[in-house]
Amino acid sequence: MKTNIKTTLKAIFLISSCCMVANNLLAAKEPKEKEDNRNPLGCYDTGYQFDLKTLHLYPGHAGEIQSMYFLFNTLNQKVNLYQMRDEESSRTMYLNHTIQPRQWAVLSTTEKKVKFICTVPDGKEEYGKIVDCSDSLRVCEYTNVRYGLNNRGNYWLVKSNTRSGALREVVHYGIIPAQ
């Protein structure tokens, strides 16, 4: 009789231990994914606007004219950003870019205004299907960035990476995202 009780208690203990471990693994996975979606520390919800399915960036409105924007693709498919130009910015290169699913990209720019239209891959259209940028992107701006003299201009600092990976790439490039 004592053997049956011991065996039953061991089985209950083993099952409860397995349940606790499985619960901890599932709980640990969810916050990491949620954490990667949050804006980096010091990156503010400013310097941009969504208008008629497009994204408008306004560098210099909240800080220095040389601004750094972090863009997060909220979709489970890649998002293409195509720059929309005004006549006044015809001498600069296009800043078209693709952000992989659930990844961050970082844009550094000195232009007064940058506009993008967002698309997702579509077999029918060459440039993809137009989607609302406000539904597919999360944007924040570092307003107090320290650049070296050789790091100024308009370019994509980070192509596609995790949040912490994007921050590491920015710092490795020699730019300090100050708060």
C-alpha atoms as a PDB file:
ATOM      1  CA  MET A   1       0.000   0.000   0.000  1.00  0.00           C
ATOM      2  CA  LYS A   2       2.844   2.371   0.871  1.00  0.00           C
ATOM      3  CA  THR A   3       4.442   1.599  -2.505  1.00  0.00           C
ATOM      4  CA  ASN A   4       1.249   2.606  -4.364  1.00  0.00           C
ATOM      5  CA  ILE A   5       1.049   5.890  -2.457  1.00  0.00           C
ATOM      6  CA  LYS A   6       4.722   6.633  -3.154  1.00  0.00           C
ATOM      7  CA  THR A   7       4.300   5.796  -6.843  1.00  0.00           C
ATOM      8  CA  THR A   8       1.171   7.943  -7.089  1.00  0.00           C
ATOM      9  CA  LEU A   9       2.855  10.870  -5.321  1.00  0.00           C
ATOM     10  CA  LYS A  10       5.911  10.577  -7.577  1.00  0.00           C
ATOM     11  CA  ALA A  11       3.676  10.578 -10.659  1.00  0.00           C
ATOM     12  CA  ILE A  12       1.759  13.635  -9.440  1.00  0.00           C
ATOM     13  CA  PHE A  13       5.018  15.437  -8.631  1.00  0.00           C
ATOM     14  CA  LEU A  14       6.483  14.560 -12.049  1.00  0.00           C
ATOM     15  CA  ILE A  15       3.379  15.739 -13.919  1.00  0.00           C
ATOM     16  CA  SER A  16       3.160  18.993 -11.953  1.00  0.00           C
ATOM     17  CA  SER A  17       6.886  19.634 -12.524  1.00  0.00           C
ATOM     18  CA  CYS A  18       6.484  19.085 -16.263  1.00  0.00           C
ATOM     19  CA  CYS A  19       3.498  21.444 -16.346  1.00  0.00           C
ATOM     20  CA  MET A  20       5.443  24.148 -14.506  1.00  0.00           C
ATOM     21  CA  VAL A  21       8.411  23.856 -16.889  1.00  0.00           C
ATOM     22  CA  ALA A  22       6.148  23.974 -19.959  1.00  0.00           C
ATOM     23  CA  ASN A  23       4.289  26.989 -18.557  1.00  0.00           C
ATOM     24  CA  ASN A  24       7.568  28.826 -17.893  1.00  0.00           C
ATOM     25  CA  LEU A  25       8.804  28.129 -21.428  1.00  0.00           C
ATOM     26  CA  LEU A  26       5.600  29.455 -22.976  1.00  0.00           C
ATOM     27  CA  ALA A  27       5.559  32.502 -20.700  1.00  0.00           C
ATOM     28  CA  ALA A  28       9.208  33.286 -21.456  1.00  0.00           C
ATOM     29  CA  LYS A  29       8.639  33.179 -25.216  1.00  0.00           C
ATOM     30  CA  GLU A  30       5.713  35.645 -25.271  1.00  0.00           C
ATOM     31  CA  PRO A  31       7.362  38.589 -23.443  1.00  0.00           C
ATOM     32  CA  LYS A  32      10.473  38.328 -25.643  1.00  0.00           C
ATOM     33  CA  GLU A  33       8.328  38.673 -28.764  1.00  0.00           C
ATOM     34  CA  LYS A  34       6.350  41.527 -27.189  1.00  0.00           C
ATOM     35  CA  GLU A  35       9.567  43.184 -26.012  1.00  0.00           C
ATOM     36  CA  ASP A  36      10.962  43.246 -29.555  1.00  0.00           C
ATOM     37  CA  ASN A  37       7.836  45.123 -30.717  1.00  0.00           C
ATOM     38  CA  ARG A  38       8.282  48.018 -28.288  1.00  0.00           C
ATOM     39  CA  ASN A  39      10.075  51.205 -29.284  1.00  0.00           C
ATOM     40  CA  PRO A  40      13.706  51.354 -28.190  1.00  0.00           C
ATOM     41  CA  LEU A  41      14.402  53.408 -25.073  1.00  0.00           C
ATOM     42  CA  GLY A  42      14.663  57.103 -25.986  1.00  0.00           C
ATOM     43  CA  CYS A  43      12.898  56.685 -29.344  1.00  0.00           C
ATOM     44  CA  TYR A  44       9.837  58.933 -29.316  1.00  0.00           C
ATOM     45  CA  ASP A  45       6.515  58.895 -31.118  1.00  0.00           C
ATOM     46  CA  THR A  46       7.220  62.155 -32.948  1.00  0.00           C
ATOM     47  CA  GLY A  47       8.468  63.553 -36.265  1.00  0.00           C
ATOM     48  CA  TYR A  48       6.125  61.610 -38.534  1.00  0.00           C
ATOM     49  CA  GLN A  49       2.521  61.381 -39.681  1.00  0.00           C
ATOM     50  CA  PHE A  50       0.406  58.808 -41.511  1.00  0.00           C
ATOM     51  CA  ASP A  51      -1.744  60.390 -44.218  1.00  0.00           C
ATOM     52  CA  LEU A  52      -3.841  58.685 -46.937  1.00  0.00           C
ATOM     53  CA  LYS A  53      -2.062  55.305 -46.602  1.00  0.00           C
ATOM     54  CA  THR A  54       1.361  56.998 -46.787  1.00  0.00           C
ATOM     55  CA  LEU A  55       4.071  57.737 -44.240  1.00  0.00           C
ATOM     56  CA  HIS A  56       5.427  61.299 -43.951  1.00  0.00           C
ATOM     57  CA  LEU A  57       8.653  61.861 -42.000  1.00  0.00           C
ATOM     58  CA  TYR A  58       9.483  65.360 -40.737  1.00  0.00           C
ATOM     59  CA  PRO A  59      13.110  65.421 -39.567  1.00  0.00           C
ATOM     60  CA  GLY A  60      14.034  68.412 -37.461  1.00  0.00           C
ATOM     61  CA  HIS A  61      10.545  69.152 -36.113  1.00  0.00           C
ATOM     62  CA  ALA A  62      11.404  67.840 -32.654  1.00  0.00           C
ATOM     63  CA  GLY A  63      15.204  68.025 -32.678  1.00  0.00           C
ATOM     64  CA  GLU A  64      18.204  68.267 -34.964  1.00  0.00           C
ATOM     65  CA  ILE A  65      17.762  68.316 -38.754  1.00  0.00           C
ATOM     66  CA  GLN A  66      19.750  65.043 -38.973  1.00  0.00           C
ATOM     67  CA  SER A  67      17.214  62.553 -37.647  1.00  0.00           C
ATOM     68  CA  MET A  68      17.176  58.824 -37.091  1.00  0.00           C
ATOM     69  CA  TYR A  69      13.930  56.873 -37.475  1.00  0.00           C
ATOM     70  CA  PHE A  70      13.285  53.316 -36.310  1.00  0.00           C
ATOM     71  CA  LEU A  71      10.589  51.559 -38.374  1.00  0.00           C
ATOM     72  CA  PHE A  72       9.039  48.239 -37.311  1.00  0.00           C
ATOM     73  CA  ASN A  73       7.203  45.975 -39.762  1.00  0.00           C
ATOM     74  CA  THR A  74       4.123  44.773 -37.864  1.00  0.00           C
ATOM     75  CA  LEU A  75       3.052  42.351 -40.607  1.00  0.00           C
ATOM     76  CA  ASN A  76       3.966  38.701 -41.099  1.00  0.00           C
ATOM     77  CA  GLN A  77       5.196  39.466 -44.614  1.00  0.00           C
ATOM     78  CA  LYS A  78       7.786  41.870 -45.945  1.00  0.00           C
ATOM     79  CA  VAL A  79       6.846  45.503 -46.538  1.00  0.00           C
ATOM     80  CA  ASN A  80       8.317  47.545 -49.385  1.00  0.00           C
ATOM     81  CA  LEU A  81       8.761  51.280 -48.854  1.00  0.00           C
ATOM     82  CA  TYR A  82       8.861  53.386 -52.018  1.00  0.00           C
ATOM     83  CA  GLN A  83       9.854  57.011 -51.651  1.00  0.00           C
ATOM     84  CA  MET A  84       7.436  59.549 -53.092  1.00  0.00           C
ATOM     85  CA  ARG A  85       9.270  62.622 -54.318  1.00  0.00           C
ATOM     86  CA  ASP A  86       8.395  66.257 -54.698  1.00  0.00           C
ATOM     87  CA  GLU A  87       9.969  68.247 -57.506  1.00  0.00           C
ATOM     88  CA  GLU A  88      12.274  70.049 -55.060  1.00  0.00           C
ATOM     89  CA  SER A  89      14.132  66.865 -54.053  1.00  0.00           C
ATOM     90  CA  SER A  90      14.984  65.629 -57.548  1.00  0.00           C
ATOM     91  CA  ARG A  91      18.769  65.649 -56.982  1.00  0.00           C
ATOM     92  CA  THR A  92      18.883  63.163 -54.135  1.00  0.00           C
ATOM     93  CA  MET A  93      18.831  59.386 -54.435  1.00  0.00           C
ATOM     94  CA  TYR A  94      15.723  57.336 -53.789  1.00  0.00           C
ATOM     95  CA  LEU A  95      15.434  55.792 -50.328  1.00  0.00           C
ATOM     96  CA  ASN A  96      13.384  52.749 -51.373  1.00  0.00           C
ATOM     97  CA  HIS A  97      13.677  49.861 -48.941  1.00  0.00           C
ATOM     98  CA  THR A  98      12.249  46.484 -47.889  1.00  0.00           C
ATOM     99  CA  ILE A  99      11.684  45.519 -44.240  1.00  0.00           C
ATOM    100  CA  GLN A 100      11.407  41.825 -43.450  1.00  0.00           C
ATOM    101  CA  PRO A 101       8.460  40.490 -41.383  1.00  0.00           C
ATOM    102  CA  ARG A 102       8.439  41.531 -37.696  1.00  0.00           C
ATOM    103  CA  GLN A 103      11.812  43.288 -38.086  1.00  0.00           C
ATOM    104  CA  TRP A 104      13.204  46.779 -37.471  1.00  0.00           C
ATOM    105  CA  ALA A 105      14.906  49.057 -39.998  1.00  0.00           C
ATOM    106  CA  VAL A 106      16.674  52.353 -39.279  1.00  0.00           C
ATOM    107  CA  LEU A 107      16.686  55.403 -41.562  1.00  0.00           C
ATOM    108  CA  SER A 108      18.986  58.383 -41.131  1.00  0.00           C
ATOM    109  CA  THR A 109      17.970  61.494 -43.059  1.00  0.00           C
ATOM    110  CA  THR A 110      18.572  65.231 -43.403  1.00  0.00           C
ATOM    111  CA  GLU A 111      15.792  65.953 -45.901  1.00  0.00           C
ATOM    112  CA  LYS A 112      13.064  68.360 -44.798  1.00  0.00           C
ATOM    113  CA  LYS A 113      10.292  65.915 -45.639  1.00  0.00           C
ATOM    114  CA  VAL A 114      10.372  62.268 -46.706  1.00  0.00           C
ATOM    115  CA  LYS A 115       7.270  60.452 -47.962  1.00  0.00           C
ATOM    116  CA  PHE A 116       6.846  56.704 -48.442  1.00  0.00           C
ATOM    117  CA  ILE A 117       4.127  54.515 -49.854  1.00  0.00           C
ATOM    118  CA  CYS A 118       3.929  50.953 -48.491  1.00  0.00           C
ATOM    119  CA  THR A 119       3.358  47.789 -50.515  1.00  0.00           C
ATOM    120  CA  VAL A 120       3.372  44.049 -49.865  1.00  0.00           C
ATOM    121  CA  PRO A 121       4.443  41.451 -52.446  1.00  0.00           C
ATOM    122  CA  ASP A 122       1.741  40.522 -54.922  1.00  0.00           C
ATOM    123  CA  GLY A 123       2.152  38.210 -57.907  1.00  0.00           C
ATOM    124  CA  LYS A 124      -0.066  40.417 -60.074  1.00  0.00           C
ATOM    125  CA  GLU A 125       1.619  43.798 -59.630  1.00  0.00           C
ATOM    126  CA  GLU A 126       5.312  44.481 -60.249  1.00  0.00           C
ATOM    127  CA  TYR A 127       5.729  46.729 -57.192  1.00  0.00           C
ATOM    128  CA  GLY A 128       3.219  44.887 -55.006  1.00  0.00           C
ATOM    129  CA  LYS A 129      -0.163  45.700 -53.527  1.00  0.00           C
ATOM    130  CA  ILE A 130      -0.482  49.095 -51.807  1.00  0.00           C
ATOM    131  CA  VAL A 131      -1.290  48.817 -48.102  1.00  0.00           C
ATOM    132  CA  ASP A 132      -1.946  51.405 -45.420  1.00  0.00           C
ATOM    133  CA  CYS A 133       1.409  52.326 -43.838  1.00  0.00           C
ATOM    134  CA  SER A 134      -0.291  52.973 -40.494  1.00  0.00           C
ATOM    135  CA  ASP A 135      -1.447  49.332 -40.399  1.00  0.00           C
ATOM    136  CA  SER A 136       1.895  47.856 -41.428  1.00  0.00           C
ATOM    137  CA  LEU A 137       4.526  50.047 -39.716  1.00  0.00           C
ATOM    138  CA  ARG A 138       5.345  51.402 -36.281  1.00  0.00           C
ATOM    139  CA  VAL A 139       7.624  54.449 -36.331  1.00  0.00           C
ATOM    140  CA  CYS A 140       9.624  56.357 -33.733  1.00  0.00           C
ATOM    141  CA  GLU A 141      12.310  59.046 -33.927  1.00  0.00           C
ATOM    142  CA  TYR A 142      15.460  59.640 -31.937  1.00  0.00           C
ATOM    143  CA  THR A 143      15.408  63.425 -31.577  1.00  0.00           C
ATOM    144  CA  ASN A 144      18.786  63.882 -29.897  1.00  0.00           C
ATOM    145  CA  VAL A 145      21.251  61.806 -31.917  1.00  0.00           C
ATOM    146  CA  ARG A 146      25.025  62.329 -31.906  1.00  0.00           C
ATOM    147  CA  TYR A 147      26.527  61.849 -35.378  1.00  0.00           C
ATOM    148  CA  GLY A 148      30.147  61.893 -36.434  1.00  0.00           C
ATOM    149  CA  LEU A 149      31.017  64.139 -39.373  1.00  0.00           C
ATOM    150  CA  ASN A 150      31.283  61.141 -41.698  1.00  0.00           C
ATOM    151  CA  ASN A 151      27.843  59.735 -40.778  1.00  0.00           C
ATOM    152  CA  ARG A 152      25.589  62.503 -42.074  1.00  0.00           C
ATOM    153  CA  GLY A 153      23.250  62.191 -45.042  1.00  0.00           C
ATOM    154  CA  ASN A 154      20.323  60.096 -46.227  1.00  0.00           C
ATOM    155  CA  TYR A 155      20.729  56.340 -45.940  1.00  0.00           C
ATOM    156  CA  TRP A 156      19.369  53.170 -44.371  1.00  0.00           C
ATOM    157  CA  LEU A 157      21.557  52.359 -41.360  1.00  0.00           C
ATOM    158  CA  VAL A 158      19.907  49.012 -40.654  1.00  0.00           C
ATOM    159  CA  LYS A 159      18.288  46.944 -43.402  1.00  0.00           C
ATOM    160  CA  SER A 160      16.254  44.491 -41.266  1.00  0.00           C
ATOM    161  CA  ASN A 161      17.050  43.242 -37.778  1.00  0.00           C
ATOM    162  CA  THR A 162      15.649  42.648 -34.305  1.00  0.00           C
ATOM    163  CA  ARG A 163      15.294  45.659 -32.022  1.00  0.00           C
ATOM    164  CA  SER A 164      18.457  44.926 -30.037  1.00  0.00           C
ATOM    165  CA  GLY A 165      20.297  43.973 -33.230  1.00  0.00           C
ATOM    166  CA  ALA A 166      19.303  47.271 -34.842  1.00  0.00           C
ATOM    167  CA  LEU A 167      20.532  49.237 -31.813  1.00  0.00           C
ATOM    168  CA  ARG A 168      23.847  47.332 -31.882  1.00  0.00           C
ATOM    169  CA  GLU A 169      24.289  48.094 -35.592  1.00  0.00           C
ATOM    170  CA  VAL A 170      23.618  51.810 -35.027  1.00  0.00           C
ATOM    171  CA  VAL A 171      26.176  52.016 -32.210  1.00  0.00           C
ATOM    172  CA  HIS A 172      28.674  49.921 -34.211  1.00  0.00           C
ATOM    173  CA  TYR A 173      28.274  52.421 -37.060  1.00  0.00           C
ATOM    174  CA  GLY A 174      29.473  55.165 -34.681  1.00  0.00           C
ATOM    175  CA  ILE A 175      26.179  56.913 -33.972  1.00  0.00           C
ATOM    176  CA  ILE A 176      25.010  57.505 -30.420  1.00  0.00           C
ATOM    177  CA  PRO A 177      21.215  57.405 -30.001  1.00  0.00           C
ATOM    178  CA  ALA A 178      21.090  59.782 -27.012  1.00  0.00           C
ATOM    179  CA  GLN A 179      17.990  60.222 -24.869  1.00  0.00           C
END
